[in-house]
Amino acid sequence: MTIRFYKVNDKYGCFSNFSKHGFELDGKYWPTSEHYFQAQKFVGSIYEEEIRVVESPMDAANMGRDRDKPLRSDWEEVKDEVMKKAVLQKFQTHPDIREILISTSPEEIIEETTGDYYWGCGTKGTGKNVLGKILMEVRSTLESGE
């Protein structure tokens, strides 16, 4: 069985970066993993804090995707590790969703997006599914008790 997720209100909605499972990381509280991820595109700038405190994860996503803001020069090299750090912290912080993630083992996890062929599977199902792979990696880490 393959585990598919996308919307926050679905069965595995807690896997979404938009799920309201906040955590502390880098000395600050982040309302969602989306807030953390998008803010890291502008780490050390005023935009980082603006994104951290914005109300919704959709607002954080829109602000992070704004290419009028100066994206950090190493973003393409670090974005996967930034995502992994946020996802790991989210699941380490919340025992209820940690158990949900662990309960999916050893199934494949796929972010069933439509337009995102990097983080998700995309409309055609041919995307890289990087977020799904990160979730499976985090699951393994949590299972081993690291």
N, C-alpha and C. Protein backbone atom coordinates (compact mmCIF):
# COMPACT_ATOMS: atom_id res chain seq x y z
N MET A 1 0.84 -1.19 0.00
CA MET A 1 0.00 0.00 0.00
C MET A 1 0.88 1.25 0.00
N THR A 2 0.54 2.20 -0.81
CA THR A 2 1.26 3.47 -0.86
C THR A 2 0.47 4.50 -0.06
N ILE A 3 1.18 5.28 0.75
CA ILE A 3 0.56 6.35 1.53
C ILE A 3 0.63 7.63 0.72
N ARG A 4 -0.52 8.20 0.44
CA ARG A 4 -0.58 9.45 -0.33
C ARG A 4 -1.16 10.54 0.55
N PHE A 5 -0.58 11.73 0.43
CA PHE A 5 -1.09 12.85 1.23
C PHE A 5 -0.96 14.13 0.43
N TYR A 6 -1.74 15.11 0.81
CA TYR A 6 -1.59 16.46 0.27
C TYR A 6 -2.32 17.47 1.15
N LYS A 7 -3.63 17.31 1.28
CA LYS A 7 -4.42 18.28 2.04
C LYS A 7 -4.33 18.04 3.54
N VAL A 8 -4.30 19.10 4.30
CA VAL A 8 -4.14 19.04 5.75
C VAL A 8 -5.26 18.25 6.42
N ASN A 9 -6.47 18.30 5.86
CA ASN A 9 -7.62 17.63 6.48
C ASN A 9 -7.78 16.17 6.07
N ASP A 10 -6.89 15.67 5.20
CA ASP A 10 -6.95 14.27 4.80
C ASP A 10 -6.37 13.37 5.88
N LYS A 11 -6.50 12.07 5.71
CA LYS A 11 -6.05 11.08 6.71
C LYS A 11 -4.60 11.32 7.13
N TYR A 12 -3.72 11.57 6.20
CA TYR A 12 -2.31 11.79 6.52
C TYR A 12 -1.92 13.26 6.35
N GLY A 13 -2.88 14.13 6.60
CA GLY A 13 -2.66 15.57 6.45
C GLY A 13 -1.56 16.13 7.32
N CYS A 14 -1.25 15.43 8.42
CA CYS A 14 -0.17 15.91 9.29
C CYS A 14 1.19 15.83 8.61
N PHE A 15 1.28 15.11 7.49
CA PHE A 15 2.54 15.05 6.74
C PHE A 15 2.78 16.33 5.94
N SER A 16 1.72 17.08 5.71
CA SER A 16 1.83 18.33 4.95
C SER A 16 2.61 19.39 5.72
N ASN A 17 3.37 20.17 5.02
CA ASN A 17 4.09 21.28 5.65
C ASN A 17 3.13 22.38 6.11
N PHE A 18 1.89 22.31 5.68
CA PHE A 18 0.88 23.29 6.10
C PHE A 18 0.18 22.88 7.40
N SER A 19 0.43 21.66 7.88
CA SER A 19 -0.24 21.22 9.10
C SER A 19 0.22 22.07 10.28
N LYS A 20 -0.70 22.37 11.16
CA LYS A 20 -0.42 23.29 12.28
C LYS A 20 0.23 22.53 13.43
N HIS A 21 1.47 22.13 13.20
CA HIS A 21 2.28 21.45 14.22
C HIS A 21 3.57 22.24 14.36
N GLY A 22 3.51 23.27 15.22
CA GLY A 22 4.64 24.16 15.40
C GLY A 22 5.76 23.52 16.21
N PHE A 23 6.91 24.16 16.17
CA PHE A 23 8.09 23.64 16.86
C PHE A 23 9.12 24.75 17.04
N GLU A 24 10.06 24.50 17.93
CA GLU A 24 11.18 25.41 18.12
C GLU A 24 12.38 24.89 17.34
N LEU A 25 13.04 25.78 16.65
CA LEU A 25 14.23 25.43 15.88
C LEU A 25 15.04 26.69 15.67
N ASP A 26 16.34 26.58 15.80
CA ASP A 26 17.25 27.72 15.64
C ASP A 26 16.89 28.86 16.59
N GLY A 27 16.43 28.50 17.78
CA GLY A 27 16.13 29.49 18.81
C GLY A 27 14.84 30.28 18.63
N LYS A 28 13.97 29.82 17.71
CA LYS A 28 12.71 30.51 17.45
C LYS A 28 11.58 29.50 17.33
N TYR A 29 10.36 29.98 17.57
CA TYR A 29 9.17 29.14 17.39
C TYR A 29 8.64 29.34 15.98
N TRP A 30 8.33 28.23 15.31
CA TRP A 30 7.80 28.24 13.94
C TRP A 30 6.41 27.61 13.95
N PRO A 31 5.39 28.32 13.46
CA PRO A 31 4.01 27.79 13.49
C PRO A 31 3.81 26.53 12.66
N THR A 32 4.55 26.42 11.55
CA THR A 32 4.47 25.23 10.68
C THR A 32 5.85 25.00 10.06
N SER A 33 6.04 23.82 9.50
CA SER A 33 7.30 23.55 8.80
C SER A 33 7.38 24.39 7.52
N GLU A 34 6.24 24.78 6.97
CA GLU A 34 6.24 25.67 5.80
C GLU A 34 6.82 27.03 6.16
N HIS A 35 6.44 27.56 7.31
CA HIS A 35 6.99 28.84 7.76
C HIS A 35 8.52 28.75 7.85
N TYR A 36 9.00 27.67 8.48
CA TYR A 36 10.45 27.52 8.65
C TYR A 36 11.14 27.42 7.29
N PHE A 37 10.64 26.53 6.45
CA PHE A 37 11.27 26.29 5.15
C PHE A 37 11.34 27.57 4.32
N GLN A 38 10.22 28.26 4.19
CA GLN A 38 10.19 29.47 3.36
C GLN A 38 11.08 30.56 3.93
N ALA A 39 11.10 30.71 5.25
CA ALA A 39 11.92 31.75 5.89
C ALA A 39 13.41 31.51 5.67
N GLN A 40 13.80 30.24 5.57
CA GLN A 40 15.22 29.93 5.42
C GLN A 40 15.78 30.35 4.06
N LYS A 41 14.90 30.65 3.15
CA LYS A 41 15.35 31.17 1.86
C LYS A 41 15.99 32.55 2.01
N PHE A 42 15.68 33.20 3.14
CA PHE A 42 16.13 34.58 3.38
C PHE A 42 16.80 34.71 4.73
N VAL A 43 17.44 33.63 5.19
CA VAL A 43 18.02 33.59 6.53
C VAL A 43 18.95 34.79 6.76
N GLY A 44 18.78 35.42 7.92
CA GLY A 44 19.60 36.58 8.27
C GLY A 44 19.09 37.90 7.74
N SER A 45 17.97 37.89 7.02
CA SER A 45 17.40 39.13 6.49
C SER A 45 16.09 39.45 7.21
N ILE A 46 15.55 40.62 6.95
CA ILE A 46 14.27 41.00 7.56
C ILE A 46 13.13 40.09 7.10
N TYR A 47 13.27 39.50 5.92
CA TYR A 47 12.21 38.64 5.37
C TYR A 47 12.05 37.36 6.18
N GLU A 48 13.14 36.89 6.77
CA GLU A 48 13.07 35.67 7.58
C GLU A 48 12.04 35.84 8.70
N GLU A 49 12.14 36.91 9.43
CA GLU A 49 11.22 37.16 10.54
C GLU A 49 9.81 37.49 10.05
N GLU A 50 9.70 38.21 8.95
CA GLU A 50 8.38 38.52 8.40
C GLU A 50 7.62 37.24 8.06
N ILE A 51 8.32 36.28 7.49
CA ILE A 51 7.69 35.01 7.13
C ILE A 51 7.38 34.20 8.39
N ARG A 52 8.27 34.21 9.36
CA ARG A 52 8.06 33.43 10.59
C ARG A 52 6.77 33.83 11.30
N VAL A 53 6.44 35.11 11.31
CA VAL A 53 5.30 35.59 12.09
C VAL A 53 4.01 35.74 11.29
N VAL A 54 4.04 35.50 10.00
CA VAL A 54 2.82 35.63 9.20
C VAL A 54 1.82 34.56 9.64
N GLU A 55 0.53 34.88 9.52
CA GLU A 55 -0.51 34.03 10.11
C GLU A 55 -0.61 32.63 9.50
N SER A 56 -0.71 32.53 8.21
CA SER A 56 -1.00 31.22 7.62
C SER A 56 0.19 30.63 6.86
N PRO A 57 0.24 29.30 6.74
CA PRO A 57 1.30 28.69 5.95
C PRO A 57 1.22 29.06 4.47
N MET A 58 0.01 29.32 3.97
CA MET A 58 -0.13 29.76 2.58
C MET A 58 0.51 31.13 2.39
N ASP A 59 0.31 32.01 3.36
CA ASP A 59 0.97 33.33 3.29
C ASP A 59 2.49 33.16 3.33
N ALA A 60 2.97 32.27 4.18
CA ALA A 60 4.41 32.00 4.26
C ALA A 60 4.93 31.49 2.92
N ALA A 61 4.18 30.58 2.31
CA ALA A 61 4.58 30.03 1.01
C ALA A 61 4.62 31.11 -0.06
N ASN A 62 3.60 31.93 -0.09
CA ASN A 62 3.56 33.00 -1.10
C ASN A 62 4.70 33.99 -0.91
N MET A 63 5.00 34.32 0.35
CA MET A 63 6.10 35.25 0.62
C MET A 63 7.44 34.62 0.22
N GLY A 64 7.59 33.35 0.51
CA GLY A 64 8.84 32.66 0.19
C GLY A 64 9.06 32.48 -1.31
N ARG A 65 7.97 32.46 -2.05
CA ARG A 65 8.07 32.28 -3.51
C ARG A 65 8.21 33.61 -4.26
N ASP A 66 8.17 34.69 -3.53
CA ASP A 66 8.29 36.03 -4.13
C ASP A 66 9.73 36.26 -4.58
N ARG A 67 9.94 36.27 -5.87
CA ARG A 67 11.30 36.41 -6.41
C ARG A 67 11.77 37.87 -6.47
N ASP A 68 10.98 38.80 -5.92
CA ASP A 68 11.47 40.17 -5.76
C ASP A 68 12.35 40.28 -4.52
N LYS A 69 12.26 39.27 -3.65
CA LYS A 69 13.12 39.23 -2.47
C LYS A 69 14.44 38.53 -2.84
N PRO A 70 15.53 38.94 -2.21
CA PRO A 70 16.84 38.35 -2.55
C PRO A 70 17.03 36.96 -1.93
N LEU A 71 16.88 35.93 -2.74
CA LEU A 71 17.05 34.54 -2.32
C LEU A 71 18.51 34.28 -1.95
N ARG A 72 18.74 33.56 -0.87
CA ARG A 72 20.12 33.26 -0.47
C ARG A 72 20.84 32.51 -1.59
N SER A 73 22.09 32.79 -1.76
CA SER A 73 22.85 32.31 -2.93
C SER A 73 23.03 30.79 -2.95
N ASP A 74 23.02 30.14 -1.79
CA ASP A 74 23.24 28.70 -1.74
C ASP A 74 21.93 27.90 -1.63
N TRP A 75 20.80 28.52 -1.90
CA TRP A 75 19.51 27.88 -1.65
C TRP A 75 19.37 26.53 -2.34
N GLU A 76 19.72 26.45 -3.59
CA GLU A 76 19.55 25.18 -4.33
C GLU A 76 20.38 24.06 -3.69
N GLU A 77 21.52 24.40 -3.10
CA GLU A 77 22.38 23.40 -2.47
C GLU A 77 21.86 22.96 -1.10
N VAL A 78 21.17 23.84 -0.40
CA VAL A 78 20.78 23.55 0.99
C VAL A 78 19.30 23.24 1.19
N LYS A 79 18.46 23.45 0.20
CA LYS A 79 17.01 23.36 0.42
C LYS A 79 16.54 21.99 0.90
N ASP A 80 17.12 20.92 0.40
CA ASP A 80 16.70 19.59 0.85
C ASP A 80 17.04 19.38 2.33
N GLU A 81 18.22 19.80 2.74
CA GLU A 81 18.62 19.66 4.15
C GLU A 81 17.77 20.55 5.06
N VAL A 82 17.42 21.74 4.57
CA VAL A 82 16.55 22.63 5.34
C VAL A 82 15.20 21.95 5.55
N MET A 83 14.66 21.36 4.50
CA MET A 83 13.38 20.67 4.61
C MET A 83 13.48 19.50 5.58
N LYS A 84 14.53 18.72 5.46
CA LYS A 84 14.70 17.56 6.34
C LYS A 84 14.79 18.00 7.81
N LYS A 85 15.53 19.06 8.06
CA LYS A 85 15.69 19.58 9.43
C LYS A 85 14.33 19.97 10.01
N ALA A 86 13.51 20.66 9.22
CA ALA A 86 12.19 21.11 9.67
C ALA A 86 11.26 19.92 9.92
N VAL A 87 11.23 18.98 8.98
CA VAL A 87 10.34 17.83 9.09
C VAL A 87 10.74 16.97 10.30
N LEU A 88 12.01 16.74 10.49
CA LEU A 88 12.48 15.96 11.63
C LEU A 88 12.07 16.62 12.95
N GLN A 89 12.29 17.93 13.04
CA GLN A 89 11.95 18.65 14.27
C GLN A 89 10.45 18.61 14.54
N LYS A 90 9.66 18.76 13.51
CA LYS A 90 8.20 18.70 13.64
C LYS A 90 7.76 17.36 14.24
N PHE A 91 8.28 16.26 13.70
CA PHE A 91 7.87 14.94 14.16
C PHE A 91 8.51 14.56 15.49
N GLN A 92 9.65 15.12 15.82
CA GLN A 92 10.25 14.89 17.14
C GLN A 92 9.47 15.64 18.22
N THR A 93 8.88 16.78 17.85
CA THR A 93 8.17 17.62 18.80
C THR A 93 6.78 17.09 19.15
N HIS A 94 6.14 16.42 18.22
CA HIS A 94 4.74 16.01 18.40
C HIS A 94 4.60 14.48 18.40
N PRO A 95 4.48 13.88 19.58
CA PRO A 95 4.38 12.41 19.67
C PRO A 95 3.20 11.82 18.90
N ASP A 96 2.08 12.54 18.84
CA ASP A 96 0.90 12.00 18.16
C ASP A 96 1.15 11.80 16.67
N ILE A 97 1.75 12.77 16.01
CA ILE A 97 2.00 12.62 14.57
C ILE A 97 3.25 11.76 14.31
N ARG A 98 4.17 11.72 15.27
CA ARG A 98 5.32 10.83 15.15
C ARG A 98 4.82 9.38 15.06
N GLU A 99 3.84 9.04 15.89
CA GLU A 99 3.29 7.68 15.87
C GLU A 99 2.57 7.40 14.55
N ILE A 100 1.89 8.39 14.02
CA ILE A 100 1.23 8.22 12.71
C ILE A 100 2.27 7.95 11.64
N LEU A 101 3.35 8.72 11.63
CA LEU A 101 4.40 8.53 10.63
C LEU A 101 5.02 7.14 10.78
N ILE A 102 5.37 6.76 11.98
CA ILE A 102 6.00 5.46 12.20
C ILE A 102 5.05 4.32 11.80
N SER A 103 3.76 4.52 12.00
CA SER A 103 2.78 3.47 11.69
C SER A 103 2.68 3.18 10.19
N THR A 104 3.21 4.06 9.36
CA THR A 104 3.15 3.84 7.91
C THR A 104 4.26 2.93 7.40
N SER A 105 5.21 2.59 8.24
CA SER A 105 6.35 1.78 7.84
C SER A 105 5.88 0.38 7.43
N PRO A 106 6.40 -0.17 6.38
CA PRO A 106 7.46 0.28 5.48
C PRO A 106 6.95 0.88 4.17
N GLU A 107 5.72 1.37 4.20
CA GLU A 107 5.08 1.84 2.96
C GLU A 107 5.77 3.07 2.36
N GLU A 108 5.63 3.21 1.05
CA GLU A 108 6.12 4.40 0.36
C GLU A 108 5.17 5.55 0.67
N ILE A 109 5.74 6.74 0.87
CA ILE A 109 4.95 7.95 1.13
C ILE A 109 5.11 8.89 -0.06
N ILE A 110 3.99 9.34 -0.59
CA ILE A 110 4.01 10.22 -1.77
C ILE A 110 3.19 11.47 -1.50
N GLU A 111 3.82 12.63 -1.74
CA GLU A 111 3.05 13.87 -1.71
C GLU A 111 2.36 13.98 -3.06
N GLU A 112 1.05 13.86 -3.03
CA GLU A 112 0.26 13.83 -4.26
C GLU A 112 -0.12 15.24 -4.69
N THR A 113 0.86 15.95 -5.20
CA THR A 113 0.64 17.31 -5.68
C THR A 113 0.20 17.28 -7.13
N THR A 114 -0.22 18.44 -7.60
CA THR A 114 -0.55 18.52 -9.01
C THR A 114 0.59 19.17 -9.79
N GLY A 115 1.00 20.35 -9.39
CA GLY A 115 1.99 21.07 -10.18
C GLY A 115 3.43 20.92 -9.73
N ASP A 116 3.67 20.32 -8.57
CA ASP A 116 5.02 20.27 -8.03
C ASP A 116 5.69 18.95 -8.36
N TYR A 117 6.64 19.00 -9.27
CA TYR A 117 7.35 17.81 -9.71
C TYR A 117 8.67 17.63 -8.97
N TYR A 118 8.97 18.53 -8.04
CA TYR A 118 10.18 18.37 -7.23
C TYR A 118 9.83 17.78 -5.87
N TRP A 119 9.04 18.49 -5.07
CA TRP A 119 8.69 18.02 -3.73
C TRP A 119 7.66 16.91 -3.78
N GLY A 120 6.81 16.92 -4.79
CA GLY A 120 5.73 15.94 -4.90
C GLY A 120 5.84 15.11 -6.16
N CYS A 121 4.73 14.42 -6.48
CA CYS A 121 4.72 13.53 -7.64
C CYS A 121 4.25 14.22 -8.91
N GLY A 122 3.65 15.41 -8.77
CA GLY A 122 3.15 16.11 -9.95
C GLY A 122 1.92 15.45 -10.54
N THR A 123 1.29 16.13 -11.47
CA THR A 123 0.06 15.66 -12.09
C THR A 123 0.21 14.29 -12.75
N LYS A 124 1.33 14.07 -13.40
CA LYS A 124 1.55 12.82 -14.13
C LYS A 124 2.12 11.71 -13.26
N GLY A 125 2.45 12.03 -12.00
CA GLY A 125 3.01 11.02 -11.12
C GLY A 125 4.48 10.72 -11.37
N THR A 126 5.12 11.58 -12.14
CA THR A 126 6.53 11.34 -12.50
C THR A 126 7.50 12.25 -11.75
N GLY A 127 6.97 12.99 -10.76
CA GLY A 127 7.82 13.91 -10.02
C GLY A 127 8.82 13.20 -9.11
N LYS A 128 9.76 13.96 -8.57
CA LYS A 128 10.82 13.42 -7.73
C LYS A 128 10.34 13.01 -6.33
N ASN A 129 9.23 13.59 -5.87
CA ASN A 129 8.67 13.26 -4.57
C ASN A 129 9.71 13.41 -3.44
N VAL A 130 10.44 14.49 -3.47
CA VAL A 130 11.50 14.71 -2.48
C VAL A 130 10.92 14.80 -1.06
N LEU A 131 9.77 15.44 -0.90
CA LEU A 131 9.18 15.52 0.44
C LEU A 131 8.78 14.13 0.94
N GLY A 132 8.21 13.33 0.11
CA GLY A 132 7.87 11.96 0.49
C GLY A 132 9.10 11.17 0.90
N LYS A 133 10.19 11.34 0.16
CA LYS A 133 11.44 10.64 0.50
C LYS A 133 12.00 11.14 1.82
N ILE A 134 11.90 12.44 2.08
CA ILE A 134 12.35 12.99 3.36
C ILE A 134 11.51 12.42 4.50
N LEU A 135 10.21 12.34 4.31
CA LEU A 135 9.34 11.76 5.34
C LEU A 135 9.72 10.32 5.64
N MET A 136 10.05 9.55 4.61
CA MET A 136 10.45 8.15 4.81
C MET A 136 11.80 8.09 5.53
N GLU A 137 12.70 9.00 5.21
CA GLU A 137 14.00 9.06 5.88
C GLU A 137 13.83 9.44 7.36
N VAL A 138 12.98 10.43 7.62
CA VAL A 138 12.69 10.85 8.99
C VAL A 138 12.03 9.69 9.75
N ARG A 139 11.13 8.99 9.08
CA ARG A 139 10.49 7.82 9.69
C ARG A 139 11.53 6.80 10.14
N SER A 140 12.49 6.51 9.28
CA SER A 140 13.56 5.57 9.62
C SER A 140 14.37 6.05 10.81
N THR A 141 14.68 7.34 10.83
CA THR A 141 15.43 7.93 11.93
C THR A 141 14.66 7.78 13.23
N LEU A 142 13.37 8.07 13.20
CA LEU A 142 12.54 7.98 14.40
C LEU A 142 12.38 6.53 14.86
N GLU A 143 12.26 5.62 13.91
CA GLU A 143 12.14 4.20 14.25
C GLU A 143 13.38 3.67 14.96
N SER A 144 14.54 4.17 14.53
CA SER A 144 15.80 3.69 15.11
C SER A 144 16.13 4.39 16.43
N GLY A 145 15.33 5.40 16.76
CA GLY A 145 15.53 6.10 18.03
C GLY A 145 16.70 7.06 18.04
N GLU A 146 17.15 7.47 16.88
CA GLU A 146 18.29 8.41 16.81
C GLU A 146 17.91 9.80 17.28
